Amino acid sequence: MHESSLARALLAQALDAATRAGSSRVKTVRARFAETETLHPDAISFHFLAHAQGTRAEGARLELDCQHIEACCKACSRRYAPEHHLTLCPQCGSTEADLLGEPGLWVDSIEVE
């Protein structure tokens, strides 16, 4: 499940930041992600909380900004939201497209105590 791997990546970054800061606990993680598939923020939060159990991030709040990256078909110029990383134009069927954003995961800030 993709949401679980994103949650583990967020947790790893949060724990690393807490270690560097010499902190005992992670309170809040503010992050954003952009993908070419529909992801569910509630599922990511669920997995984050599950993976954080027994760590310095147990009980931390996760604040997510989620963006679905659109694509623009190179053949017919239609803009659409791809699914499952597949750039298949719903209008002409072409798989050649430009992504209209950068996919990725970014941690904007981490509050520690």
PDB file of N, CA and C in Angstrom:
ATOM      1  N   MET A   1       0.853  -1.187   0.000  1.00  0.00           N
ATOM      2  CA  MET A   1       0.000   0.000   0.000  1.00  0.00           C
ATOM      3  C   MET A   1       0.893   1.242   0.000  1.00  0.00           C
ATOM      4  N   HIS A   2       0.641   2.145  -0.915  1.00  0.00           N
ATOM      5  CA  HIS A   2       1.448   3.345  -1.082  1.00  0.00           C
ATOM      6  C   HIS A   2       1.341   4.276   0.126  1.00  0.00           C
ATOM      7  N   GLU A   3       0.166   4.369   0.714  1.00  0.00           N
ATOM      8  CA  GLU A   3      -0.021   5.249   1.864  1.00  0.00           C
ATOM      9  C   GLU A   3       0.881   4.833   3.024  1.00  0.00           C
ATOM     10  N   SER A   4       1.059   3.527   3.209  1.00  0.00           N
ATOM     11  CA  SER A   4       1.909   3.032   4.287  1.00  0.00           C
ATOM     12  C   SER A   4       3.365   3.425   4.066  1.00  0.00           C
ATOM     13  N   SER A   5       3.847   3.314   2.843  1.00  0.00           N
ATOM     14  CA  SER A   5       5.240   3.684   2.575  1.00  0.00           C
ATOM     15  C   SER A   5       5.448   5.186   2.727  1.00  0.00           C
ATOM     16  N   LEU A   6       4.466   6.000   2.340  1.00  0.00           N
ATOM     17  CA  LEU A   6       4.576   7.449   2.554  1.00  0.00           C
ATOM     18  C   LEU A   6       4.617   7.762   4.048  1.00  0.00           C
ATOM     19  N   ALA A   7       3.786   7.080   4.812  1.00  0.00           N
ATOM     20  CA  ALA A   7       3.753   7.298   6.259  1.00  0.00           C
ATOM     21  C   ALA A   7       5.090   6.925   6.892  1.00  0.00           C
ATOM     22  N   ARG A   8       5.676   5.822   6.456  1.00  0.00           N
ATOM     23  CA  ARG A   8       6.985   5.418   6.992  1.00  0.00           C
ATOM     24  C   ARG A   8       8.057   6.448   6.644  1.00  0.00           C
ATOM     25  N   ALA A   9       7.998   7.000   5.445  1.00  0.00           N
ATOM     26  CA  ALA A   9       8.973   8.021   5.041  1.00  0.00           C
ATOM     27  C   ALA A   9       8.828   9.282   5.897  1.00  0.00           C
ATOM     28  N   LEU A  10       7.593   9.702   6.148  1.00  0.00           N
ATOM     29  CA  LEU A  10       7.361  10.867   7.008  1.00  0.00           C
ATOM     30  C   LEU A  10       7.869  10.607   8.417  1.00  0.00           C
ATOM     31  N   LEU A  11       7.586   9.430   8.933  1.00  0.00           N
ATOM     32  CA  LEU A  11       8.025   9.082  10.281  1.00  0.00           C
ATOM     33  C   LEU A  11       9.550   9.088  10.373  1.00  0.00           C
ATOM     34  N   ALA A  12      10.215   8.522   9.393  1.00  0.00           N
ATOM     35  CA  ALA A  12      11.677   8.490   9.407  1.00  0.00           C
ATOM     36  C   ALA A  12      12.256   9.902   9.429  1.00  0.00           C
ATOM     37  N   GLN A  13      11.684  10.794   8.629  1.00  0.00           N
ATOM     38  CA  GLN A  13      12.173  12.178   8.603  1.00  0.00           C
ATOM     39  C   GLN A  13      11.921  12.867   9.935  1.00  0.00           C
ATOM     40  N   ALA A  14      10.757  12.613  10.529  1.00  0.00           N
ATOM     41  CA  ALA A  14      10.421  13.232  11.808  1.00  0.00           C
ATOM     42  C   ALA A  14      11.354  12.746  12.917  1.00  0.00           C
ATOM     43  N   LEU A  15      11.608  11.449  12.949  1.00  0.00           N
ATOM     44  CA  LEU A  15      12.483  10.898  13.983  1.00  0.00           C
ATOM     45  C   LEU A  15      13.920  11.381  13.801  1.00  0.00           C
ATOM     46  N   ASP A  16      14.353  11.505  12.559  1.00  0.00           N
ATOM     47  CA  ASP A  16      15.689  12.019  12.285  1.00  0.00           C
ATOM     48  C   ASP A  16      15.818  13.462  12.757  1.00  0.00           C
ATOM     49  N   ALA A  17      14.798  14.265  12.488  1.00  0.00           N
ATOM     50  CA  ALA A  17      14.819  15.665  12.920  1.00  0.00           C
ATOM     51  C   ALA A  17      14.840  15.765  14.442  1.00  0.00           C
ATOM     52  N   ALA A  18      14.080  14.914  15.107  1.00  0.00           N
ATOM     53  CA  ALA A  18      14.057  14.915  16.570  1.00  0.00           C
ATOM     54  C   ALA A  18      15.433  14.539  17.127  1.00  0.00           C
ATOM     55  N   THR A  19      16.080  13.569  16.515  1.00  0.00           N
ATOM     56  CA  THR A  19      17.414  13.150  16.950  1.00  0.00           C
ATOM     57  C   THR A  19      18.407  14.295  16.784  1.00  0.00           C
ATOM     58  N   ARG A  20      18.382  14.951  15.618  1.00  0.00           N
ATOM     59  CA  ARG A  20      19.299  16.067  15.363  1.00  0.00           C
ATOM     60  C   ARG A  20      19.073  17.219  16.339  1.00  0.00           C
ATOM     61  N   ALA A  21      17.800  17.426  16.736  1.00  0.00           N
ATOM     62  CA  ALA A  21      17.476  18.516  17.646  1.00  0.00           C
ATOM     63  C   ALA A  21      17.696  18.123  19.108  1.00  0.00           C
ATOM     64  N   GLY A  22      17.996  16.852  19.354  1.00  0.00           N
ATOM     65  CA  GLY A  22      18.177  16.391  20.731  1.00  0.00           C
ATOM     66  C   GLY A  22      16.871  16.383  21.503  1.00  0.00           C
ATOM     67  N   SER A  23      15.764  16.182  20.802  1.00  0.00           N
ATOM     68  CA  SER A  23      14.443  16.229  21.420  1.00  0.00           C
ATOM     69  C   SER A  23      13.963  14.842  21.812  1.00  0.00           C
ATOM     70  N   SER A  24      13.094  14.827  22.796  1.00  0.00           N
ATOM     71  CA  SER A  24      12.589  13.547  23.285  1.00  0.00           C
ATOM     72  C   SER A  24      11.293  13.125  22.604  1.00  0.00           C
ATOM     73  N   ARG A  25      10.583  14.079  21.980  1.00  0.00           N
ATOM     74  CA  ARG A  25       9.286  13.724  21.422  1.00  0.00           C
ATOM     75  C   ARG A  25       8.940  14.587  20.217  1.00  0.00           C
ATOM     76  N   VAL A  26       8.315  13.966  19.214  1.00  0.00           N
ATOM     77  CA  VAL A  26       7.784  14.677  18.048  1.00  0.00           C
ATOM     78  C   VAL A  26       6.330  15.020  18.356  1.00  0.00           C
ATOM     79  N   LYS A  27       5.973  16.297  18.228  1.00  0.00           N
ATOM     80  CA  LYS A  27       4.593  16.716  18.508  1.00  0.00           C
ATOM     81  C   LYS A  27       3.759  16.823  17.243  1.00  0.00           C
ATOM     82  N   THR A  28       4.289  17.471  16.208  1.00  0.00           N
ATOM     83  CA  THR A  28       3.530  17.731  14.985  1.00  0.00           C
ATOM     84  C   THR A  28       4.445  17.615  13.777  1.00  0.00           C
ATOM     85  N   VAL A  29       3.916  17.008  12.723  1.00  0.00           N
ATOM     86  CA  VAL A  29       4.621  16.943  11.447  1.00  0.00           C
ATOM     87  C   VAL A  29       3.714  17.593  10.410  1.00  0.00           C
ATOM     88  N   ARG A  30       4.225  18.619   9.747  1.00  0.00           N
ATOM     89  CA  ARG A  30       3.485  19.277   8.668  1.00  0.00           C
ATOM     90  C   ARG A  30       4.163  18.903   7.355  1.00  0.00           C
ATOM     91  N   ALA A  31       3.388  18.306   6.457  1.00  0.00           N
ATOM     92  CA  ALA A  31       3.971  17.806   5.215  1.00  0.00           C
ATOM     93  C   ALA A  31       3.012  18.009   4.057  1.00  0.00           C
ATOM     94  N   ARG A  32       3.571  17.876   2.858  1.00  0.00           N
ATOM     95  CA  ARG A  32       2.746  17.935   1.651  1.00  0.00           C
ATOM     96  C   ARG A  32       3.249  16.879   0.689  1.00  0.00           C
ATOM     97  N   PHE A  33       2.344  16.381  -0.095  1.00  0.00           N
ATOM     98  CA  PHE A  33       2.741  15.437  -1.124  1.00  0.00           C
ATOM     99  C   PHE A  33       1.955  15.701  -2.379  1.00  0.00           C
ATOM    100  N   ALA A  34       2.580  15.377  -3.485  1.00  0.00           N
ATOM    101  CA  ALA A  34       1.963  15.533  -4.796  1.00  0.00           C
ATOM    102  C   ALA A  34       2.187  14.230  -5.544  1.00  0.00           C
ATOM    103  N   GLU A  35       1.130  13.681  -6.085  1.00  0.00           N
ATOM    104  CA  GLU A  35       1.206  12.384  -6.758  1.00  0.00           C
ATOM    105  C   GLU A  35       0.329  12.381  -8.000  1.00  0.00           C
ATOM    106  N   THR A  36       0.586  11.413  -8.880  1.00  0.00           N
ATOM    107  CA  THR A  36      -0.230  11.226 -10.076  1.00  0.00           C
ATOM    108  C   THR A  36      -1.259  10.129  -9.840  1.00  0.00           C
ATOM    109  N   GLU A  37      -1.653   9.953  -8.603  1.00  0.00           N
ATOM    110  CA  GLU A  37      -2.711   9.019  -8.254  1.00  0.00           C
ATOM    111  C   GLU A  37      -3.461   9.593  -7.063  1.00  0.00           C
ATOM    112  N   THR A  38      -4.641   9.097  -6.833  1.00  0.00           N
ATOM    113  CA  THR A  38      -5.423   9.558  -5.706  1.00  0.00           C
ATOM    114  C   THR A  38      -4.932   8.862  -4.448  1.00  0.00           C
ATOM    115  N   LEU A  39      -4.478   9.653  -3.498  1.00  0.00           N
ATOM    116  CA  LEU A  39      -4.066   9.129  -2.207  1.00  0.00           C
ATOM    117  C   LEU A  39      -5.027   9.642  -1.148  1.00  0.00           C
ATOM    118  N   HIS A  40      -5.148   8.906  -0.086  1.00  0.00           N
ATOM    119  CA  HIS A  40      -6.112   9.242   0.956  1.00  0.00           C
ATOM    120  C   HIS A  40      -5.384   9.720   2.209  1.00  0.00           C
ATOM    121  N   PRO A  41      -5.494  11.015   2.518  1.00  0.00           N
ATOM    122  CA  PRO A  41      -4.802  11.560   3.688  1.00  0.00           C
ATOM    123  C   PRO A  41      -5.147  10.823   4.983  1.00  0.00           C
ATOM    124  N   ASP A  42      -6.402  10.401   5.134  1.00  0.00           N
ATOM    125  CA  ASP A  42      -6.784   9.679   6.348  1.00  0.00           C
ATOM    126  C   ASP A  42      -6.029   8.356   6.456  1.00  0.00           C
ATOM    127  N   ALA A  43      -5.816   7.696   5.334  1.00  0.00           N
ATOM    128  CA  ALA A  43      -5.070   6.436   5.344  1.00  0.00           C
ATOM    129  C   ALA A  43      -3.608   6.680   5.688  1.00  0.00           C
ATOM    130  N   ILE A  44      -3.035   7.758   5.160  1.00  0.00           N
ATOM    131  CA  ILE A  44      -1.645   8.079   5.484  1.00  0.00           C
ATOM    132  C   ILE A  44      -1.515   8.380   6.976  1.00  0.00           C
ATOM    133  N   SER A  45      -2.457   9.158   7.515  1.00  0.00           N
ATOM    134  CA  SER A  45      -2.443   9.473   8.948  1.00  0.00           C
ATOM    135  C   SER A  45      -2.576   8.209   9.788  1.00  0.00           C
ATOM    136  N   PHE A  46      -3.467   7.311   9.393  1.00  0.00           N
ATOM    137  CA  PHE A  46      -3.655   6.050  10.103  1.00  0.00           C
ATOM    138  C   PHE A  46      -2.343   5.263  10.149  1.00  0.00           C
ATOM    139  N   HIS A  47      -1.698   5.132   8.998  1.00  0.00           N
ATOM    140  CA  HIS A  47      -0.438   4.382   8.936  1.00  0.00           C
ATOM    141  C   HIS A  47       0.670   5.092   9.716  1.00  0.00           C
ATOM    142  N   PHE A  48       0.698   6.408   9.660  1.00  0.00           N
ATOM    143  CA  PHE A  48       1.699   7.162  10.411  1.00  0.00           C
ATOM    144  C   PHE A  48       1.557   6.864  11.901  1.00  0.00           C
ATOM    145  N   LEU A  49       0.335   6.948  12.401  1.00  0.00           N
ATOM    146  CA  LEU A  49       0.105   6.684  13.824  1.00  0.00           C
ATOM    147  C   LEU A  49       0.464   5.251  14.192  1.00  0.00           C
ATOM    148  N   ALA A  50       0.148   4.315  13.316  1.00  0.00           N
ATOM    149  CA  ALA A  50       0.460   2.906  13.585  1.00  0.00           C
ATOM    150  C   ALA A  50       1.969   2.673  13.612  1.00  0.00           C
ATOM    151  N   HIS A  51       2.691   3.222  12.632  1.00  0.00           N
ATOM    152  CA  HIS A  51       4.144   3.042  12.576  1.00  0.00           C
ATOM    153  C   HIS A  51       4.853   3.797  13.707  1.00  0.00           C
ATOM    154  N   ALA A  52       4.227   4.873  14.200  1.00  0.00           N
ATOM    155  CA  ALA A  52       4.851   5.698  15.237  1.00  0.00           C
ATOM    156  C   ALA A  52       4.736   5.079  16.634  1.00  0.00           C
ATOM    157  N   GLN A  53       3.881   4.094  16.806  1.00  0.00           N
ATOM    158  CA  GLN A  53       3.721   3.484  18.126  1.00  0.00           C
ATOM    159  C   GLN A  53       5.060   2.957  18.629  1.00  0.00           C
ATOM    160  N   GLY A  54       5.364   3.304  19.864  1.00  0.00           N
ATOM    161  CA  GLY A  54       6.607   2.853  20.473  1.00  0.00           C
ATOM    162  C   GLY A  54       7.820   3.689  20.102  1.00  0.00           C
ATOM    163  N   THR A  55       7.618   4.779  19.346  1.00  0.00           N
ATOM    164  CA  THR A  55       8.716   5.672  18.980  1.00  0.00           C
ATOM    165  C   THR A  55       8.506   7.034  19.629  1.00  0.00           C
ATOM    166  N   ARG A  56       9.470   7.923  19.426  1.00  0.00           N
ATOM    167  CA  ARG A  56       9.334   9.285  19.956  1.00  0.00           C
ATOM    168  C   ARG A  56       8.244  10.084  19.250  1.00  0.00           C
ATOM    169  N   ALA A  57       7.669   9.528  18.192  1.00  0.00           N
ATOM    170  CA  ALA A  57       6.589  10.215  17.472  1.00  0.00           C
ATOM    171  C   ALA A  57       5.215   9.654  17.822  1.00  0.00           C
ATOM    172  N   GLU A  58       5.159   8.751  18.790  1.00  0.00           N
ATOM    173  CA  GLU A  58       3.859   8.190  19.157  1.00  0.00           C
ATOM    174  C   GLU A  58       2.932   9.313  19.611  1.00  0.00           C
ATOM    175  N   GLY A  59       1.728   9.357  19.039  1.00  0.00           N
ATOM    176  CA  GLY A  59       0.750  10.386  19.374  1.00  0.00           C
ATOM    177  C   GLY A  59       0.951  11.711  18.660  1.00  0.00           C
ATOM    178  N   ALA A  60       1.941  11.820  17.796  1.00  0.00           N
ATOM    179  CA  ALA A  60       2.186  13.075  17.078  1.00  0.00           C
ATOM    180  C   ALA A  60       1.037  13.367  16.117  1.00  0.00           C
ATOM    181  N   ARG A  61       0.804  14.636  15.887  1.00  0.00           N
ATOM    182  CA  ARG A  61      -0.224  15.067  14.941  1.00  0.00           C
ATOM    183  C   ARG A  61       0.413  15.205  13.567  1.00  0.00           C
ATOM    184  N   LEU A  62      -0.272  14.706  12.552  1.00  0.00           N
ATOM    185  CA  LEU A  62       0.204  14.803  11.174  1.00  0.00           C
ATOM    186  C   LEU A  62      -0.734  15.710  10.401  1.00  0.00           C
ATOM    187  N   GLU A  63      -0.188  16.796   9.854  1.00  0.00           N
ATOM    188  CA  GLU A  63      -0.963  17.744   9.049  1.00  0.00           C
ATOM    189  C   GLU A  63      -0.483  17.620   7.614  1.00  0.00           C
ATOM    190  N   LEU A  64      -1.396  17.227   6.720  1.00  0.00           N
ATOM    191  CA  LEU A  64      -1.029  16.955   5.326  1.00  0.00           C
ATOM    192  C   LEU A  64      -1.714  17.897   4.349  1.00  0.00           C
ATOM    193  N   ASP A  65      -0.971  18.308   3.357  1.00  0.00           N
ATOM    194  CA  ASP A  65      -1.510  19.035   2.204  1.00  0.00           C
ATOM    195  C   ASP A  65      -1.318  18.107   1.008  1.00  0.00           C
ATOM    196  N   CYS A  66      -2.425  17.654   0.434  1.00  0.00           N
ATOM    197  CA  CYS A  66      -2.362  16.658  -0.645  1.00  0.00           C
ATOM    198  C   CYS A  66      -2.722  17.302  -1.985  1.00  0.00           C
ATOM    199  N   GLN A  67      -1.929  16.991  -3.006  1.00  0.00           N
ATOM    200  CA  GLN A  67      -2.180  17.520  -4.342  1.00  0.00           C
ATOM    201  C   GLN A  67      -2.145  16.386  -5.353  1.00  0.00           C
ATOM    202  N   HIS A  68      -3.129  16.359  -6.231  1.00  0.00           N
ATOM    203  CA  HIS A  68      -3.148  15.386  -7.324  1.00  0.00           C
ATOM    204  C   HIS A  68      -2.603  16.101  -8.554  1.00  0.00           C
ATOM    205  N   ILE A  69      -1.494  15.638  -9.067  1.00  0.00           N
ATOM    206  CA  ILE A  69      -0.848  16.274 -10.219  1.00  0.00           C
ATOM    207  C   ILE A  69      -1.612  15.939 -11.498  1.00  0.00           C
ATOM    208  N   GLU A  70      -1.886  16.961 -12.282  1.00  0.00           N
ATOM    209  CA  GLU A  70      -2.534  16.748 -13.575  1.00  0.00           C
ATOM    210  C   GLU A  70      -1.482  16.479 -14.650  1.00  0.00           C
ATOM    211  N   ALA A  71      -1.968  15.970 -15.765  1.00  0.00           N
ATOM    212  CA  ALA A  71      -1.122  15.744 -16.938  1.00  0.00           C
ATOM    213  C   ALA A  71      -1.742  16.466 -18.123  1.00  0.00           C
ATOM    214  N   CYS A  72      -0.904  16.768 -19.115  1.00  0.00           N
ATOM    215  CA  CYS A  72      -1.373  17.374 -20.360  1.00  0.00           C
ATOM    216  C   CYS A  72      -0.929  16.470 -21.500  1.00  0.00           C
ATOM    217  N   CYS A  73      -1.905  15.971 -22.252  1.00  0.00           N
ATOM    218  CA  CYS A  73      -1.628  15.051 -23.353  1.00  0.00           C
ATOM    219  C   CYS A  73      -0.820  15.760 -24.438  1.00  0.00           C
ATOM    220  N   LYS A  74       0.257  15.122 -24.868  1.00  0.00           N
ATOM    221  CA  LYS A  74       1.088  15.696 -25.928  1.00  0.00           C
ATOM    222  C   LYS A  74       0.412  15.605 -27.292  1.00  0.00           C
ATOM    223  N   ALA A  75      -0.518  14.669 -27.457  1.00  0.00           N
ATOM    224  CA  ALA A  75      -1.175  14.485 -28.747  1.00  0.00           C
ATOM    225  C   ALA A  75      -2.352  15.435 -28.956  1.00  0.00           C
ATOM    226  N   CYS A  76      -3.199  15.596 -27.928  1.00  0.00           N
ATOM    227  CA  CYS A  76      -4.413  16.395 -28.124  1.00  0.00           C
ATOM    228  C   CYS A  76      -4.545  17.584 -27.162  1.00  0.00           C
ATOM    229  N   SER A  77      -3.569  17.753 -26.253  1.00  0.00           N
ATOM    230  CA  SER A  77      -3.523  18.873 -25.305  1.00  0.00           C
ATOM    231  C   SER A  77      -4.582  18.830 -24.213  1.00  0.00           C
ATOM    232  N   ARG A  78      -5.261  17.737 -24.049  1.00  0.00           N
ATOM    233  CA  ARG A  78      -6.256  17.640 -22.977  1.00  0.00           C
ATOM    234  C   ARG A  78      -5.545  17.531 -21.630  1.00  0.00           C
ATOM    235  N   ARG A  79      -6.068  18.258 -20.658  1.00  0.00           N
ATOM    236  CA  ARG A  79      -5.579  18.158 -19.270  1.00  0.00           C
ATOM    237  C   ARG A  79      -6.444  17.153 -18.543  1.00  0.00           C
ATOM    238  N   TYR A  80      -5.813  16.295 -17.759  1.00  0.00           N
ATOM    239  CA  TYR A  80      -6.560  15.272 -17.021  1.00  0.00           C
ATOM    240  C   TYR A  80      -5.762  14.839 -15.789  1.00  0.00           C
ATOM    241  N   ALA A  81      -6.461  14.171 -14.881  1.00  0.00           N
ATOM    242  CA  ALA A  81      -5.829  13.650 -13.667  1.00  0.00           C
ATOM    243  C   ALA A  81      -5.505  12.177 -13.876  1.00  0.00           C
ATOM    244  N   PRO A  82      -4.232  11.834 -14.023  1.00  0.00           N
ATOM    245  CA  PRO A  82      -3.875  10.425 -14.204  1.00  0.00           C
ATOM    246  C   PRO A  82      -4.182   9.618 -12.953  1.00  0.00           C
ATOM    247  N   GLU A  83      -4.268   8.321 -13.119  1.00  0.00           N
ATOM    248  CA  GLU A  83      -4.484   7.419 -11.991  1.00  0.00           C
ATOM    249  C   GLU A  83      -3.426   6.336 -12.001  1.00  0.00           C
ATOM    250  N   HIS A  84      -2.956   5.978 -10.831  1.00  0.00           N
ATOM    251  CA  HIS A  84      -1.992   4.883 -10.650  1.00  0.00           C
ATOM    252  C   HIS A  84      -0.732   5.095 -11.494  1.00  0.00           C
ATOM    253  N   HIS A  85      -0.284   6.318 -11.602  1.00  0.00           N
ATOM    254  CA  HIS A  85       0.933   6.681 -12.332  1.00  0.00           C
ATOM    255  C   HIS A  85       0.838   6.387 -13.832  1.00  0.00           C
ATOM    256  N   LEU A  86      -0.364   6.187 -14.335  1.00  0.00           N
ATOM    257  CA  LEU A  86      -0.564   5.871 -15.751  1.00  0.00           C
ATOM    258  C   LEU A  86      -1.070   7.114 -16.474  1.00  0.00           C
ATOM    259  N   THR A  87      -0.299   7.609 -17.419  1.00  0.00           N
ATOM    260  CA  THR A  87      -0.709   8.779 -18.199  1.00  0.00           C
ATOM    261  C   THR A  87      -1.399   8.304 -19.477  1.00  0.00           C
ATOM    262  N   LEU A  88      -2.655   7.944 -19.329  1.00  0.00           N
ATOM    263  CA  LEU A  88      -3.487   7.494 -20.445  1.00  0.00           C
ATOM    264  C   LEU A  88      -4.568   8.544 -20.669  1.00  0.00           C
ATOM    265  N   CYS A  89      -4.464   9.249 -21.784  1.00  0.00           N
ATOM    266  CA  CYS A  89      -5.409  10.335 -22.062  1.00  0.00           C
ATOM    267  C   CYS A  89      -6.819   9.770 -22.243  1.00  0.00           C
ATOM    268  N   PRO A  90      -7.784  10.300 -21.492  1.00  0.00           N
ATOM    269  CA  PRO A  90      -9.163   9.821 -21.624  1.00  0.00           C
ATOM    270  C   PRO A  90      -9.823  10.254 -22.933  1.00  0.00           C
ATOM    271  N   GLN A  91      -9.218  11.219 -23.621  1.00  0.00           N
ATOM    272  CA  GLN A  91      -9.810  11.708 -24.872  1.00  0.00           C
ATOM    273  C   GLN A  91      -9.286  10.949 -26.092  1.00  0.00           C
ATOM    274  N   CYS A  92      -7.959  10.792 -26.196  1.00  0.00           N
ATOM    275  CA  CYS A  92      -7.412  10.188 -27.423  1.00  0.00           C
ATOM    276  C   CYS A  92      -6.674   8.867 -27.180  1.00  0.00           C
ATOM    277  N   GLY A  93      -6.446   8.506 -25.915  1.00  0.00           N
ATOM    278  CA  GLY A  93      -5.792   7.244 -25.605  1.00  0.00           C
ATOM    279  C   GLY A  93      -4.272   7.273 -25.618  1.00  0.00           C
ATOM    280  N   SER A  94      -3.679   8.417 -25.907  1.00  0.00           N
ATOM    281  CA  SER A  94      -2.219   8.520 -25.927  1.00  0.00           C
ATOM    282  C   SER A  94      -1.655   8.344 -24.514  1.00  0.00           C
ATOM    283  N   THR A  95      -0.472   7.778 -24.437  1.00  0.00           N
ATOM    284  CA  THR A  95       0.215   7.651 -23.149  1.00  0.00           C
ATOM    285  C   THR A  95       1.343   8.667 -23.011  1.00  0.00           C
ATOM    286  N   GLU A  96       1.504   9.518 -24.001  1.00  0.00           N
ATOM    287  CA  GLU A  96       2.533  10.554 -23.970  1.00  0.00           C
ATOM    288  C   GLU A  96       1.942  11.814 -23.359  1.00  0.00           C
ATOM    289  N   ALA A  97       2.486  12.240 -22.219  1.00  0.00           N
ATOM    290  CA  ALA A  97       1.952  13.412 -21.529  1.00  0.00           C
ATOM    291  C   ALA A  97       3.052  14.103 -20.742  1.00  0.00           C
ATOM    292  N   ASP A  98       2.833  15.373 -20.500  1.00  0.00           N
ATOM    293  CA  ASP A  98       3.695  16.149 -19.609  1.00  0.00           C
ATOM    294  C   ASP A  98       2.979  16.269 -18.272  1.00  0.00           C
ATOM    295  N   LEU A  99       3.704  16.015 -17.185  1.00  0.00           N
ATOM    296  CA  LEU A  99       3.130  16.235 -15.858  1.00  0.00           C
ATOM    297  C   LEU A  99       3.163  17.722 -15.557  1.00  0.00           C
ATOM    298  N   LEU A 100       2.087  18.225 -14.969  1.00  0.00           N
ATOM    299  CA  LEU A 100       1.961  19.654 -14.681  1.00  0.00           C
ATOM    300  C   LEU A 100       2.277  19.929 -13.216  1.00  0.00           C
ATOM    301  N   GLY A 101       3.306  19.308 -12.737  1.00  0.00           N
ATOM    302  CA  GLY A 101       3.756  19.474 -11.362  1.00  0.00           C
ATOM    303  C   GLY A 101       4.814  18.433 -11.062  1.00  0.00           C
ATOM    304  N   GLU A 102       5.472  18.611  -9.967  1.00  0.00           N
ATOM    305  CA  GLU A 102       6.545  17.708  -9.552  1.00  0.00           C
ATOM    306  C   GLU A 102       6.022  16.756  -8.485  1.00  0.00           C
ATOM    307  N   PRO A 103       6.049  15.451  -8.758  1.00  0.00           N
ATOM    308  CA  PRO A 103       5.621  14.520  -7.711  1.00  0.00           C
ATOM    309  C   PRO A 103       6.667  14.449  -6.605  1.00  0.00           C
ATOM    310  N   GLY A 104       6.189  14.206  -5.401  1.00  0.00           N
ATOM    311  CA  GLY A 104       7.126  14.058  -4.297  1.00  0.00           C
ATOM    312  C   GLY A 104       6.470  14.229  -2.952  1.00  0.00           C
ATOM    313  N   LEU A 105       7.292  14.118  -1.952  1.00  0.00           N
ATOM    314  CA  LEU A 105       6.883  14.236  -0.558  1.00  0.00           C
ATOM    315  C   LEU A 105       7.842  15.209   0.109  1.00  0.00           C
ATOM    316  N   TRP A 106       7.290  16.214   0.767  1.00  0.00           N
ATOM    317  CA  TRP A 106       8.105  17.222   1.423  1.00  0.00           C
ATOM    318  C   TRP A 106       7.621  17.419   2.846  1.00  0.00           C
ATOM    319  N   VAL A 107       8.535  17.475   3.767  1.00  0.00           N
ATOM    320  CA  VAL A 107       8.212  17.815   5.145  1.00  0.00           C
ATOM    321  C   VAL A 107       8.491  19.303   5.290  1.00  0.00           C
ATOM    322  N   ASP A 108       7.450  20.061   5.606  1.00  0.00           N
ATOM    323  CA  ASP A 108       7.597  21.505   5.736  1.00  0.00           C
ATOM    324  C   ASP A 108       8.116  21.913   7.121  1.00  0.00           C
ATOM    325  N   SER A 109       7.602  21.242   8.150  1.00  0.00           N
ATOM    326  CA  SER A 109       8.088  21.554   9.497  1.00  0.00           C
ATOM    327  C   SER A 109       7.764  20.406  10.445  1.00  0.00           C
ATOM    328  N   ILE A 110       8.558  20.333  11.488  1.00  0.00           N
ATOM    329  CA  ILE A 110       8.361  19.336  12.530  1.00  0.00           C
ATOM    330  C   ILE A 110       8.501  20.037  13.868  1.00  0.00           C
ATOM    331  N   GLU A 111       7.481  19.884  14.708  1.00  0.00           N
ATOM    332  CA  GLU A 111       7.542  20.435  16.064  1.00  0.00           C
ATOM    333  C   GLU A 111       7.981  19.327  17.001  1.00  0.00           C
ATOM    334  N   VAL A 112       8.970  19.627  17.810  1.00  0.00           N
ATOM    335  CA  VAL A 112       9.465  18.651  18.779  1.00  0.00           C
ATOM    336  C   VAL A 112       9.425  19.270  20.169  1.00  0.00           C
ATOM    337  N   GLU A 113       9.586  18.421  21.163  1.00  0.00           N
ATOM    338  CA  GLU A 113       9.607  18.927  22.536  1.00  0.00           C
ATOM    339  C   GLU A 113      10.781  18.325  23.265  1.00  0.00           C
TER     340      GLU A 113
END
